[in-house]
Amino acid sequence: PMAFTDPASGTTYLYAGGSAGAKLRAFELNPDLVSLAREVPVETPSRFTEGAFMHHHDGRYYLSYSSGSWRESSYSVHYATAESPTGPWTYRGPILTSDATRKGPGHHSFIVHPTTGDWLVVYHRWENQTGDGPYRGSRQVCVDRVEYDADGLIRPVV
């Protein structure tokens, strides 16, 4: 689960769901940030599997999430945007994907660097030098800079 406070309304939402059934769920939290006020109906965005994360940048809401099976090199991070923290979502595509030796980037968070103001994405991946599959390498924690284009869309991290 991931908690996000909407800078426009001050409402805090809890995002959860995934894996079996791959359904995104959102809940409005009470002001105590411990109890649920209500479940908020949301659509599940394209290619959603698990690990939802919400952030807000320049007036737009970005819902990012893991897609695919963590056991496969197709495991990746995709995102969708909206004008509200509960959608409707416009699917935008992948942010993090596998390459020849680094497989399965997933389960991530976005943060703002405290001194530079740069957006960063923190995630894990497999260093996989001996073949396909997550059990033939080591898991790594990675941090990469996030760049937005002139339209506010996230450029894929390479």
Protein backbone atom coordinates (compact mmCIF):
# COMPACT_ATOMS: atom_id res chain seq x y z
CA PRO A 1 0.00 0.00 0.00
CA MET A 2 0.97 3.61 -0.61
CA ALA A 3 -0.41 6.73 1.08
CA PHE A 4 -0.66 10.00 -0.86
CA THR A 5 -1.94 13.38 0.33
CA ASP A 6 -3.54 15.38 -2.46
CA PRO A 7 -1.94 18.85 -2.44
CA ALA A 8 -5.14 20.35 -3.91
CA SER A 9 -7.66 19.04 -1.36
CA GLY A 10 -5.56 17.82 1.58
CA THR A 11 -7.31 14.44 1.35
CA THR A 12 -5.09 11.42 1.96
CA TYR A 13 -5.62 8.29 -0.12
CA LEU A 14 -4.30 4.77 0.31
CA TYR A 15 -3.57 2.88 -2.92
CA ALA A 16 -3.32 -0.91 -2.88
CA GLY A 17 -4.08 -4.02 -4.85
CA GLY A 18 -2.55 -6.20 -7.45
CA SER A 19 -1.11 -9.63 -8.12
CA ALA A 20 -4.03 -12.08 -8.00
CA GLY A 21 -6.73 -10.32 -9.97
CA ALA A 22 -4.52 -7.28 -10.65
CA LYS A 23 -7.11 -4.73 -9.48
CA LEU A 24 -6.19 -1.25 -8.27
CA ARG A 25 -8.02 -0.13 -5.12
CA ALA A 26 -8.08 3.31 -3.50
CA PHE A 27 -9.31 4.33 -0.07
CA GLU A 28 -9.84 7.75 1.46
CA LEU A 29 -8.24 7.89 4.89
CA ASN A 30 -9.73 9.65 7.89
CA PRO A 31 -7.77 12.61 9.30
CA ASP A 32 -6.14 10.25 11.85
CA LEU A 33 -4.40 8.59 8.84
CA VAL A 34 -5.04 5.21 10.43
CA SER A 35 -8.69 4.43 9.72
CA LEU A 36 -10.48 4.25 6.38
CA ALA A 37 -13.22 6.77 5.57
CA ARG A 38 -14.40 4.93 2.46
CA GLU A 39 -13.30 3.02 -0.60
CA VAL A 40 -13.12 5.26 -3.66
CA PRO A 41 -14.16 3.69 -6.96
CA VAL A 42 -11.25 3.78 -9.42
CA GLU A 43 -10.58 2.11 -12.73
CA THR A 44 -7.59 -0.19 -13.02
CA PRO A 45 -5.16 1.28 -15.56
CA SER A 46 -3.78 -0.63 -18.51
CA ARG A 47 -1.05 -3.20 -17.71
CA PHE A 48 -1.45 -2.82 -13.91
CA THR A 49 -0.14 -5.73 -11.82
CA GLU A 50 0.94 -4.37 -8.42
CA GLY A 51 3.00 -1.81 -6.52
CA ALA A 52 0.99 1.37 -7.15
CA PHE A 53 2.67 4.71 -6.42
CA MET A 54 1.10 8.17 -6.78
CA HIS A 55 2.91 11.48 -7.14
CA HIS A 56 1.91 14.99 -8.20
CA HIS A 57 4.03 17.16 -10.47
CA ASP A 58 3.14 20.50 -12.08
CA GLY A 59 -0.61 20.07 -11.60
CA ARG A 60 -0.80 16.50 -12.91
CA TYR A 61 -1.28 13.22 -11.02
CA TYR A 62 1.01 10.33 -11.95
CA LEU A 63 0.04 6.77 -11.02
CA SER A 64 2.95 4.40 -11.60
CA TYR A 65 2.94 0.66 -11.00
CA SER A 66 4.65 -2.64 -11.69
CA SER A 67 3.51 -4.63 -14.71
CA GLY A 68 4.00 -8.29 -15.57
CA SER A 69 5.43 -11.18 -13.55
CA TRP A 70 8.42 -10.53 -11.30
CA ARG A 71 9.81 -13.90 -12.41
CA GLU A 72 10.17 -12.68 -16.01
CA SER A 73 12.31 -10.10 -17.77
CA SER A 74 9.04 -8.45 -18.87
CA TYR A 75 8.49 -7.16 -15.31
CA SER A 76 8.59 -3.38 -15.65
CA VAL A 77 7.22 -0.07 -14.34
CA HIS A 78 4.48 1.71 -16.30
CA TYR A 79 2.45 4.82 -15.61
CA ALA A 80 -0.78 6.66 -16.28
CA THR A 81 -1.79 10.27 -15.67
CA ALA A 82 -4.97 12.01 -14.54
CA GLU A 83 -6.34 15.38 -13.51
CA SER A 84 -7.38 13.97 -10.12
CA PRO A 85 -5.83 11.44 -7.72
CA THR A 86 -8.60 8.95 -8.51
CA GLY A 87 -8.55 9.09 -12.31
CA PRO A 88 -9.76 8.56 -14.92
CA TRP A 89 -6.34 7.43 -16.12
CA THR A 90 -4.62 7.97 -19.42
CA TYR A 91 -2.09 5.17 -19.95
CA ARG A 92 1.33 6.59 -20.91
CA GLY A 93 3.63 3.57 -21.21
CA PRO A 94 6.72 2.16 -19.50
CA ILE A 95 9.21 4.11 -17.40
CA LEU A 96 11.58 1.25 -16.44
CA THR A 97 12.22 -1.88 -18.53
CA SER A 98 14.74 -4.72 -18.66
CA ASP A 99 17.91 -4.75 -20.74
CA ALA A 100 20.46 -7.45 -21.60
CA THR A 101 21.81 -7.91 -18.05
CA ARG A 102 19.40 -6.07 -15.74
CA LYS A 103 16.00 -7.67 -15.48
CA GLY A 104 12.69 -6.92 -13.89
CA PRO A 105 12.75 -3.37 -12.54
CA GLY A 106 9.78 -2.93 -10.23
CA HIS A 107 8.33 -1.86 -6.89
CA HIS A 108 9.40 1.74 -6.91
CA SER A 109 8.94 5.14 -5.29
CA PHE A 110 9.37 8.70 -6.53
CA ILE A 111 11.16 11.23 -4.35
CA VAL A 112 12.35 14.81 -4.68
CA HIS A 113 16.04 15.38 -3.95
CA PRO A 114 16.13 17.67 -0.89
CA THR A 115 18.83 20.02 -2.19
CA THR A 116 18.57 19.94 -6.00
CA GLY A 117 14.79 19.56 -6.37
CA ASP A 118 15.34 16.81 -8.96
CA TRP A 119 12.78 14.02 -9.14
CA LEU A 120 14.26 10.54 -8.58
CA VAL A 121 12.86 7.04 -8.90
CA VAL A 122 13.99 4.36 -6.43
CA TYR A 123 13.39 0.74 -7.47
CA HIS A 124 14.78 -2.78 -7.45
CA ARG A 125 16.02 -4.94 -10.33
CA TRP A 126 17.95 -8.17 -10.88
CA GLU A 127 21.56 -8.18 -12.02
CA ASN A 128 21.40 -11.26 -14.16
CA GLN A 129 24.64 -12.19 -15.89
CA THR A 130 24.16 -15.95 -16.22
CA GLY A 131 20.78 -16.39 -17.88
CA ASP A 132 17.10 -15.62 -17.78
CA GLY A 133 15.20 -15.74 -14.50
CA PRO A 134 15.56 -13.92 -11.22
CA TYR A 135 17.30 -16.73 -9.36
CA ARG A 136 20.57 -16.49 -11.34
CA GLY A 137 21.68 -13.06 -10.22
CA SER A 138 21.43 -10.64 -7.34
CA ARG A 139 18.77 -8.11 -6.47
CA GLN A 140 19.86 -4.47 -6.56
CA VAL A 141 18.39 -1.23 -5.27
CA CYS A 142 18.68 1.55 -7.84
CA VAL A 143 18.13 5.31 -7.93
CA ASP A 144 17.78 7.18 -11.21
CA ARG A 145 16.86 10.72 -12.19
CA VAL A 146 13.37 11.24 -13.62
CA GLU A 147 12.94 13.64 -16.52
CA TYR A 148 9.68 15.14 -17.74
CA ASP A 149 9.30 16.31 -21.34
CA ALA A 150 7.75 19.63 -22.42
CA ASP A 151 4.26 18.06 -22.21
CA GLY A 152 4.85 16.82 -18.66
CA LEU A 153 5.25 13.18 -19.66
CA ILE A 154 7.92 11.03 -18.02
CA ARG A 155 10.80 10.05 -20.27
CA PRO A 156 11.74 6.35 -20.02
CA VAL A 157 14.75 5.77 -17.77
CA VAL A 158 17.64 4.21 -19.68
